[in-house]
Amino acid sequence: MKKLMRFLLTLALALCVCVCAAAQINANANRKEADNPSGPGDASSLSDDEIAAALKQALEVGSTKAIAMAGRFDGFLNNEAIRILLPTKLQSVGKAMRLLGEGDTVDDMEIGMNRAAERATPQAKQIFLDAISKMTIANPRHILTGGVTAGTEYFEQNCSADITTAFTPIVHNALQRGGVTKKYDHVIKTAPGGSAIANEFDLDKYVASKTLDGLFYLLGQEEIKIRTTPSAQTTPLLKEVFGSK
């Protein structure tokens, strides 16, 4: 009986020693990880050049998807988030046209603006990609750790003027091909009060601006996916930078 008790006591002491040793190993491992972080949420091991390249790549991937989405039939017209509405300055004129029984003309003009945006959008792809490739990103680490659309916002702030300049003639041609310019001229000439705003509103600039607003919005949504969804991190660089964010 005494031998059995001594055996059980020895076994209990051995188990206690093993448990304590395992706990110490885990504690040391945790301290090591804390001293040398490399898991998700850490970007300290990444260079500014790597981060800048990843941000540009995210914008390239996002722009390609956003333009493909908006540049198809009904891409603008059936998306409430980016649909181009009759501008404020023309709303009173539009009401007057409806009173004259020409509501269809007003509706056709609004539909035409969206169709023009859908036709012009595919040609924005190269403009966006060229602007991204030429863009210099100051303080990329700040953008990486900023808001979920920080990259899109930086791109828009720094490149939208040049993009607008290159894109507006494309929209102008799309509006003319779709007959929207003629409809607009008809509304301005025949609607009560139309002539008063003839020189105060630029149809080309309005549609170009709204089209780009829509594209930047969709680009922002794609950036959110890349930042938050592993499946959207479609390249090794995106996985390395955004997967470790």
C-alpha atoms as a PDB file:
ATOM      1  CA  MET A   1       0.000   0.000   0.000  1.00  0.00           C
ATOM      2  CA  LYS A   2       2.818   2.389   0.898  1.00  0.00           C
ATOM      3  CA  LYS A   3       4.550   1.581  -2.382  1.00  0.00           C
ATOM      4  CA  LEU A   4       1.364   2.406  -4.281  1.00  0.00           C
ATOM      5  CA  MET A   5       0.995   5.725  -2.443  1.00  0.00           C
ATOM      6  CA  ARG A   6       4.615   6.631  -3.164  1.00  0.00           C
ATOM      7  CA  PHE A   7       4.108   5.743  -6.833  1.00  0.00           C
ATOM      8  CA  LEU A   8       0.988   7.894  -7.132  1.00  0.00           C
ATOM      9  CA  LEU A   9       2.704  10.807  -5.373  1.00  0.00           C
ATOM     10  CA  THR A  10       5.680  10.544  -7.711  1.00  0.00           C
ATOM     11  CA  LEU A  11       3.386  10.432 -10.736  1.00  0.00           C
ATOM     12  CA  ALA A  12       1.466  13.519  -9.558  1.00  0.00           C
ATOM     13  CA  LEU A  13       4.699  15.452  -9.028  1.00  0.00           C
ATOM     14  CA  ALA A  14       5.896  14.484 -12.504  1.00  0.00           C
ATOM     15  CA  LEU A  15       2.650  15.652 -14.096  1.00  0.00           C
ATOM     16  CA  CYS A  16       2.854  18.938 -12.205  1.00  0.00           C
ATOM     17  CA  VAL A  17       6.390  19.525 -13.452  1.00  0.00           C
ATOM     18  CA  CYS A  18       5.316  18.837 -17.059  1.00  0.00           C
ATOM     19  CA  VAL A  19       2.364  21.230 -16.832  1.00  0.00           C
ATOM     20  CA  CYS A  20       4.521  23.992 -15.355  1.00  0.00           C
ATOM     21  CA  ALA A  21       7.161  23.489 -18.017  1.00  0.00           C
ATOM     22  CA  ALA A  22       4.566  23.678 -20.810  1.00  0.00           C
ATOM     23  CA  ALA A  23       3.113  26.864 -19.326  1.00  0.00           C
ATOM     24  CA  GLN A  24       6.576  28.417 -19.200  1.00  0.00           C
ATOM     25  CA  ILE A  25       7.225  27.499 -22.846  1.00  0.00           C
ATOM     26  CA  ASN A  26       3.934  29.112 -23.906  1.00  0.00           C
ATOM     27  CA  ALA A  27       4.692  32.241 -21.900  1.00  0.00           C
ATOM     28  CA  ASN A  28       8.122  32.544 -23.508  1.00  0.00           C
ATOM     29  CA  ALA A  29       6.585  32.072 -26.973  1.00  0.00           C
ATOM     30  CA  ASN A  30       4.008  34.768 -26.298  1.00  0.00           C
ATOM     31  CA  ARG A  31       6.699  37.182 -25.127  1.00  0.00           C
ATOM     32  CA  LYS A  32       8.733  36.432 -28.235  1.00  0.00           C
ATOM     33  CA  GLU A  33       5.745  37.135 -30.504  1.00  0.00           C
ATOM     34  CA  ALA A  34       5.082  40.396 -28.686  1.00  0.00           C
ATOM     35  CA  ASP A  35       8.722  41.435 -29.125  1.00  0.00           C
ATOM     36  CA  ASN A  36       8.756  40.424 -32.803  1.00  0.00           C
ATOM     37  CA  PRO A  37       5.253  40.945 -34.233  1.00  0.00           C
ATOM     38  CA  SER A  38       4.674  39.511 -37.687  1.00  0.00           C
ATOM     39  CA  GLY A  39       1.044  38.382 -37.720  1.00  0.00           C
ATOM     40  CA  PRO A  40      -2.127  40.061 -39.017  1.00  0.00           C
ATOM     41  CA  GLY A  41      -2.401  43.722 -38.115  1.00  0.00           C
ATOM     42  CA  ASP A  42       1.339  44.393 -38.409  1.00  0.00           C
ATOM     43  CA  ALA A  43       2.918  46.260 -41.314  1.00  0.00           C
ATOM     44  CA  SER A  44       6.141  47.271 -39.597  1.00  0.00           C
ATOM     45  CA  SER A  45       8.219  44.850 -41.674  1.00  0.00           C
ATOM     46  CA  LEU A  46       6.995  46.388 -44.948  1.00  0.00           C
ATOM     47  CA  SER A  47       8.921  49.143 -46.703  1.00  0.00           C
ATOM     48  CA  ASP A  48       7.259  52.349 -47.891  1.00  0.00           C
ATOM     49  CA  ASP A  49       7.953  51.269 -51.483  1.00  0.00           C
ATOM     50  CA  GLU A  50       6.150  47.961 -50.925  1.00  0.00           C
ATOM     51  CA  ILE A  51       3.168  49.712 -49.384  1.00  0.00           C
ATOM     52  CA  ALA A  52       3.010  52.319 -52.176  1.00  0.00           C
ATOM     53  CA  ALA A  53       3.186  49.566 -54.809  1.00  0.00           C
ATOM     54  CA  ALA A  54       0.390  47.651 -53.084  1.00  0.00           C
ATOM     55  CA  LEU A  55      -1.802  50.748 -52.870  1.00  0.00           C
ATOM     56  CA  LYS A  56      -1.325  51.384 -56.582  1.00  0.00           C
ATOM     57  CA  GLN A  57      -2.050  47.753 -57.357  1.00  0.00           C
ATOM     58  CA  ALA A  58      -5.216  47.910 -55.255  1.00  0.00           C
ATOM     59  CA  LEU A  59      -6.322  50.987 -57.193  1.00  0.00           C
ATOM     60  CA  GLU A  60      -5.557  49.290 -60.505  1.00  0.00           C
ATOM     61  CA  VAL A  61      -7.498  46.152 -59.586  1.00  0.00           C
ATOM     62  CA  GLY A  62     -10.345  48.193 -58.105  1.00  0.00           C
ATOM     63  CA  SER A  63     -10.553  50.563 -61.072  1.00  0.00           C
ATOM     64  CA  THR A  64     -10.699  47.702 -63.549  1.00  0.00           C
ATOM     65  CA  LYS A  65     -13.587  46.100 -61.667  1.00  0.00           C
ATOM     66  CA  ALA A  66     -15.427  49.380 -61.070  1.00  0.00           C
ATOM     67  CA  ILE A  67     -15.199  50.400 -64.725  1.00  0.00           C
ATOM     68  CA  ALA A  68     -16.361  46.974 -65.881  1.00  0.00           C
ATOM     69  CA  MET A  69     -19.347  47.205 -63.547  1.00  0.00           C
ATOM     70  CA  ALA A  70     -20.380  50.737 -64.543  1.00  0.00           C
ATOM     71  CA  GLY A  71     -19.521  50.428 -68.219  1.00  0.00           C
ATOM     72  CA  ARG A  72     -22.114  47.805 -69.048  1.00  0.00           C
ATOM     73  CA  PHE A  73     -25.735  48.342 -70.051  1.00  0.00           C
ATOM     74  CA  ASP A  74     -27.692  49.727 -67.085  1.00  0.00           C
ATOM     75  CA  GLY A  75     -24.449  50.051 -65.141  1.00  0.00           C
ATOM     76  CA  PHE A  76     -25.403  53.607 -64.206  1.00  0.00           C
ATOM     77  CA  LEU A  77     -29.114  53.687 -64.903  1.00  0.00           C
ATOM     78  CA  ASN A  78     -30.050  50.800 -62.604  1.00  0.00           C
ATOM     79  CA  ASN A  79     -27.578  51.545 -59.817  1.00  0.00           C
ATOM     80  CA  GLU A  80     -29.217  53.993 -57.412  1.00  0.00           C
ATOM     81  CA  ALA A  81     -25.858  54.794 -55.825  1.00  0.00           C
ATOM     82  CA  ILE A  82     -24.411  56.251 -59.034  1.00  0.00           C
ATOM     83  CA  ARG A  83     -27.398  56.973 -61.301  1.00  0.00           C
ATOM     84  CA  ILE A  84     -27.121  60.401 -62.917  1.00  0.00           C
ATOM     85  CA  LEU A  85     -30.176  62.511 -62.150  1.00  0.00           C
ATOM     86  CA  LEU A  86     -31.443  65.627 -63.858  1.00  0.00           C
ATOM     87  CA  PRO A  87     -29.287  68.485 -62.536  1.00  0.00           C
ATOM     88  CA  THR A  88     -30.776  70.885 -60.024  1.00  0.00           C
ATOM     89  CA  LYS A  89     -30.641  73.806 -62.451  1.00  0.00           C
ATOM     90  CA  LEU A  90     -32.780  71.902 -64.942  1.00  0.00           C
ATOM     91  CA  GLN A  91     -35.361  70.516 -62.540  1.00  0.00           C
ATOM     92  CA  SER A  92     -37.615  73.577 -62.738  1.00  0.00           C
ATOM     93  CA  VAL A  93     -37.282  73.515 -66.516  1.00  0.00           C
ATOM     94  CA  GLY A  94     -38.131  69.828 -66.493  1.00  0.00           C
ATOM     95  CA  LYS A  95     -41.302  70.481 -64.513  1.00  0.00           C
ATOM     96  CA  ALA A  96     -42.305  73.119 -67.038  1.00  0.00           C
ATOM     97  CA  MET A  97     -41.745  70.645 -69.883  1.00  0.00           C
ATOM     98  CA  ARG A  98     -43.952  68.087 -68.170  1.00  0.00           C
ATOM     99  CA  LEU A  99     -46.712  70.679 -67.867  1.00  0.00           C
ATOM    100  CA  LEU A 100     -46.398  71.186 -71.627  1.00  0.00           C
ATOM    101  CA  GLY A 101     -46.868  67.461 -72.184  1.00  0.00           C
ATOM    102  CA  GLU A 102     -43.209  66.782 -72.945  1.00  0.00           C
ATOM    103  CA  GLY A 103     -42.402  64.693 -69.920  1.00  0.00           C
ATOM    104  CA  ASP A 104     -41.074  61.924 -72.168  1.00  0.00           C
ATOM    105  CA  THR A 105     -38.445  64.304 -73.517  1.00  0.00           C
ATOM    106  CA  VAL A 106     -37.243  65.035 -69.984  1.00  0.00           C
ATOM    107  CA  ASP A 107     -37.175  61.342 -69.100  1.00  0.00           C
ATOM    108  CA  ASP A 108     -35.320  60.502 -72.294  1.00  0.00           C
ATOM    109  CA  MET A 109     -32.720  63.129 -71.537  1.00  0.00           C
ATOM    110  CA  GLU A 110     -32.050  61.674 -68.075  1.00  0.00           C
ATOM    111  CA  ILE A 111     -31.871  58.145 -69.463  1.00  0.00           C
ATOM    112  CA  GLY A 112     -29.607  59.419 -72.222  1.00  0.00           C
ATOM    113  CA  MET A 113     -27.173  60.936 -69.730  1.00  0.00           C
ATOM    114  CA  ASN A 114     -26.816  57.565 -68.027  1.00  0.00           C
ATOM    115  CA  ARG A 115     -26.433  55.747 -71.338  1.00  0.00           C
ATOM    116  CA  ALA A 116     -23.727  58.218 -72.345  1.00  0.00           C
ATOM    117  CA  ALA A 117     -21.929  57.548 -69.050  1.00  0.00           C
ATOM    118  CA  GLU A 118     -22.144  53.803 -69.689  1.00  0.00           C
ATOM    119  CA  ARG A 119     -20.734  54.211 -73.213  1.00  0.00           C
ATOM    120  CA  ALA A 120     -17.930  56.524 -72.133  1.00  0.00           C
ATOM    121  CA  THR A 121     -16.880  54.578 -69.037  1.00  0.00           C
ATOM    122  CA  PRO A 122     -14.849  51.803 -70.737  1.00  0.00           C
ATOM    123  CA  GLN A 123     -12.625  54.487 -72.238  1.00  0.00           C
ATOM    124  CA  ALA A 124     -11.899  55.761 -68.737  1.00  0.00           C
ATOM    125  CA  LYS A 125      -9.967  52.590 -67.923  1.00  0.00           C
ATOM    126  CA  GLN A 126      -6.718  53.594 -69.569  1.00  0.00           C
ATOM    127  CA  ILE A 127      -7.042  57.141 -68.241  1.00  0.00           C
ATOM    128  CA  PHE A 128      -7.353  55.782 -64.698  1.00  0.00           C
ATOM    129  CA  LEU A 129      -4.516  53.282 -65.102  1.00  0.00           C
ATOM    130  CA  ASP A 130      -2.186  55.912 -66.568  1.00  0.00           C
ATOM    131  CA  ALA A 131      -2.972  58.314 -63.733  1.00  0.00           C
ATOM    132  CA  ILE A 132      -2.337  55.604 -61.135  1.00  0.00           C
ATOM    133  CA  SER A 133       0.994  54.608 -62.662  1.00  0.00           C
ATOM    134  CA  LYS A 134       2.207  58.229 -62.732  1.00  0.00           C
ATOM    135  CA  MET A 135       0.934  59.064 -59.254  1.00  0.00           C
ATOM    136  CA  THR A 136       3.464  59.597 -56.479  1.00  0.00           C
ATOM    137  CA  ILE A 137       2.151  58.497 -53.105  1.00  0.00           C
ATOM    138  CA  ALA A 138       3.371  60.595 -50.204  1.00  0.00           C
ATOM    139  CA  ASN A 139       3.342  58.831 -46.827  1.00  0.00           C
ATOM    140  CA  PRO A 140       1.914  55.511 -48.050  1.00  0.00           C
ATOM    141  CA  ARG A 141       1.986  54.040 -44.541  1.00  0.00           C
ATOM    142  CA  HIS A 142      -0.478  56.695 -43.402  1.00  0.00           C
ATOM    143  CA  ILE A 143      -2.841  55.757 -46.249  1.00  0.00           C
ATOM    144  CA  LEU A 144      -2.492  52.053 -45.457  1.00  0.00           C
ATOM    145  CA  THR A 145      -3.511  52.593 -41.853  1.00  0.00           C
ATOM    146  CA  GLY A 146      -6.122  55.232 -42.683  1.00  0.00           C
ATOM    147  CA  GLY A 147      -9.796  54.775 -43.480  1.00  0.00           C
ATOM    148  CA  VAL A 148     -11.106  51.909 -45.593  1.00  0.00           C
ATOM    149  CA  THR A 149     -11.249  54.156 -48.676  1.00  0.00           C
ATOM    150  CA  ALA A 150      -8.136  56.211 -47.929  1.00  0.00           C
ATOM    151  CA  GLY A 151      -6.386  55.088 -51.119  1.00  0.00           C
ATOM    152  CA  THR A 152      -9.321  56.043 -53.319  1.00  0.00           C
ATOM    153  CA  GLU A 153      -9.657  59.406 -51.593  1.00  0.00           C
ATOM    154  CA  TYR A 154      -5.959  60.164 -52.074  1.00  0.00           C
ATOM    155  CA  PHE A 155      -6.167  59.166 -55.742  1.00  0.00           C
ATOM    156  CA  GLU A 156      -9.253  61.300 -56.325  1.00  0.00           C
ATOM    157  CA  GLN A 157      -7.784  64.341 -54.591  1.00  0.00           C
ATOM    158  CA  ASN A 158      -4.532  64.184 -56.520  1.00  0.00           C
ATOM    159  CA  CYS A 159      -5.618  63.006 -59.971  1.00  0.00           C
ATOM    160  CA  SER A 160      -9.274  63.918 -60.570  1.00  0.00           C
ATOM    161  CA  ALA A 161      -8.451  67.219 -62.310  1.00  0.00           C
ATOM    162  CA  ASP A 162      -6.268  65.528 -64.934  1.00  0.00           C
ATOM    163  CA  ILE A 163      -8.717  62.653 -65.311  1.00  0.00           C
ATOM    164  CA  THR A 164     -11.601  65.092 -65.844  1.00  0.00           C
ATOM    165  CA  THR A 165      -9.669  66.960 -68.528  1.00  0.00           C
ATOM    166  CA  ALA A 166      -8.972  63.748 -70.429  1.00  0.00           C
ATOM    167  CA  PHE A 167     -12.431  62.262 -69.910  1.00  0.00           C
ATOM    168  CA  THR A 168     -14.737  65.207 -70.742  1.00  0.00           C
ATOM    169  CA  PRO A 169     -14.218  65.054 -74.562  1.00  0.00           C
ATOM    170  CA  ILE A 170     -15.102  61.347 -74.436  1.00  0.00           C
ATOM    171  CA  VAL A 171     -18.349  62.148 -72.641  1.00  0.00           C
ATOM    172  CA  HIS A 172     -19.070  64.939 -75.127  1.00  0.00           C
ATOM    173  CA  ASN A 173     -18.870  62.458 -78.008  1.00  0.00           C
ATOM    174  CA  ALA A 174     -21.037  59.935 -76.148  1.00  0.00           C
ATOM    175  CA  LEU A 175     -23.707  62.569 -75.498  1.00  0.00           C
ATOM    176  CA  GLN A 176     -23.754  63.592 -79.132  1.00  0.00           C
ATOM    177  CA  ARG A 177     -23.891  60.015 -80.432  1.00  0.00           C
ATOM    178  CA  GLY A 178     -26.785  59.246 -78.110  1.00  0.00           C
ATOM    179  CA  GLY A 179     -28.741  62.320 -79.177  1.00  0.00           C
ATOM    180  CA  VAL A 180     -28.702  63.695 -75.623  1.00  0.00           C
ATOM    181  CA  THR A 181     -27.205  67.021 -76.689  1.00  0.00           C
ATOM    182  CA  LYS A 182     -30.062  67.560 -79.160  1.00  0.00           C
ATOM    183  CA  LYS A 183     -32.654  66.737 -76.513  1.00  0.00           C
ATOM    184  CA  TYR A 184     -30.990  69.167 -74.132  1.00  0.00           C
ATOM    185  CA  ASP A 185     -30.940  71.933 -76.746  1.00  0.00           C
ATOM    186  CA  HIS A 186     -34.628  71.288 -77.445  1.00  0.00           C
ATOM    187  CA  VAL A 187     -35.493  71.569 -73.745  1.00  0.00           C
ATOM    188  CA  ILE A 188     -33.515  74.774 -73.343  1.00  0.00           C
ATOM    189  CA  LYS A 189     -35.111  76.385 -76.385  1.00  0.00           C
ATOM    190  CA  THR A 190     -38.741  75.380 -75.771  1.00  0.00           C
ATOM    191  CA  ALA A 191     -39.190  75.207 -71.999  1.00  0.00           C
ATOM    192  CA  PRO A 192     -40.322  78.322 -70.112  1.00  0.00           C
ATOM    193  CA  GLY A 193     -37.245  79.731 -68.411  1.00  0.00           C
ATOM    194  CA  GLY A 194     -34.910  77.518 -70.379  1.00  0.00           C
ATOM    195  CA  SER A 195     -33.068  80.344 -72.094  1.00  0.00           C
ATOM    196  CA  ALA A 196     -32.249  81.885 -68.709  1.00  0.00           C
ATOM    197  CA  ILE A 197     -29.927  79.011 -67.842  1.00  0.00           C
ATOM    198  CA  ALA A 198     -28.570  78.365 -71.344  1.00  0.00           C
ATOM    199  CA  ASN A 199     -25.235  79.962 -70.480  1.00  0.00           C
ATOM    200  CA  GLU A 200     -25.136  78.826 -66.866  1.00  0.00           C
ATOM    201  CA  PHE A 201     -25.017  75.067 -67.355  1.00  0.00           C
ATOM    202  CA  ASP A 202     -22.511  72.858 -69.189  1.00  0.00           C
ATOM    203  CA  LEU A 203     -24.018  69.469 -70.018  1.00  0.00           C
ATOM    204  CA  ASP A 204     -20.666  67.893 -70.919  1.00  0.00           C
ATOM    205  CA  LYS A 205     -19.004  68.896 -67.666  1.00  0.00           C
ATOM    206  CA  TYR A 206     -21.997  67.842 -65.606  1.00  0.00           C
ATOM    207  CA  VAL A 207     -22.210  64.337 -67.058  1.00  0.00           C
ATOM    208  CA  ALA A 208     -18.435  63.881 -66.998  1.00  0.00           C
ATOM    209  CA  SER A 209     -18.308  64.954 -63.345  1.00  0.00           C
ATOM    210  CA  LYS A 210     -21.176  62.674 -62.324  1.00  0.00           C
ATOM    211  CA  THR A 211     -19.702  59.762 -64.257  1.00  0.00           C
ATOM    212  CA  LEU A 212     -16.378  60.144 -62.471  1.00  0.00           C
ATOM    213  CA  ASP A 213     -18.147  60.544 -59.127  1.00  0.00           C
ATOM    214  CA  GLY A 214     -19.792  57.188 -59.778  1.00  0.00           C
ATOM    215  CA  LEU A 215     -16.532  55.523 -60.757  1.00  0.00           C
ATOM    216  CA  PHE A 216     -14.707  56.818 -57.693  1.00  0.00           C
ATOM    217  CA  TYR A 217     -17.578  55.608 -55.520  1.00  0.00           C
ATOM    218  CA  LEU A 218     -17.378  52.111 -56.986  1.00  0.00           C
ATOM    219  CA  LEU A 219     -13.586  52.171 -56.704  1.00  0.00           C
ATOM    220  CA  GLY A 220     -13.948  52.963 -53.010  1.00  0.00           C
ATOM    221  CA  GLN A 221     -16.227  49.952 -52.585  1.00  0.00           C
ATOM    222  CA  GLU A 222     -13.624  47.749 -54.260  1.00  0.00           C
ATOM    223  CA  GLU A 223     -10.903  49.130 -51.992  1.00  0.00           C
ATOM    224  CA  ILE A 224     -12.986  48.172 -48.960  1.00  0.00           C
ATOM    225  CA  LYS A 225     -13.201  44.607 -50.281  1.00  0.00           C
ATOM    226  CA  ILE A 226      -9.456  44.417 -50.851  1.00  0.00           C
ATOM    227  CA  ARG A 227      -8.740  45.700 -47.359  1.00  0.00           C
ATOM    228  CA  THR A 228     -11.219  43.435 -45.581  1.00  0.00           C
ATOM    229  CA  THR A 229     -11.774  40.311 -47.690  1.00  0.00           C
ATOM    230  CA  PRO A 230      -8.935  37.823 -48.293  1.00  0.00           C
ATOM    231  CA  SER A 231     -10.540  36.535 -51.500  1.00  0.00           C
ATOM    232  CA  ALA A 232     -10.335  40.066 -52.974  1.00  0.00           C
ATOM    233  CA  GLN A 233      -6.566  40.152 -52.365  1.00  0.00           C
ATOM    234  CA  THR A 234      -5.908  38.583 -55.734  1.00  0.00           C
ATOM    235  CA  THR A 235      -2.129  39.042 -56.014  1.00  0.00           C
ATOM    236  CA  PRO A 236       0.791  38.046 -53.757  1.00  0.00           C
ATOM    237  CA  LEU A 237       1.559  41.718 -53.070  1.00  0.00           C
ATOM    238  CA  LEU A 238      -2.022  42.508 -52.042  1.00  0.00           C
ATOM    239  CA  LYS A 239      -2.044  39.488 -49.730  1.00  0.00           C
ATOM    240  CA  GLU A 240       1.296  40.470 -48.194  1.00  0.00           C
ATOM    241  CA  VAL A 241       0.387  44.110 -47.550  1.00  0.00           C
ATOM    242  CA  PHE A 242      -3.347  44.072 -46.859  1.00  0.00           C
ATOM    243  CA  GLY A 243      -3.360  40.622 -45.324  1.00  0.00           C
ATOM    244  CA  SER A 244      -0.901  41.833 -42.680  1.00  0.00           C
ATOM    245  CA  LYS A 245      -2.737  45.107 -42.060  1.00  0.00           C
END
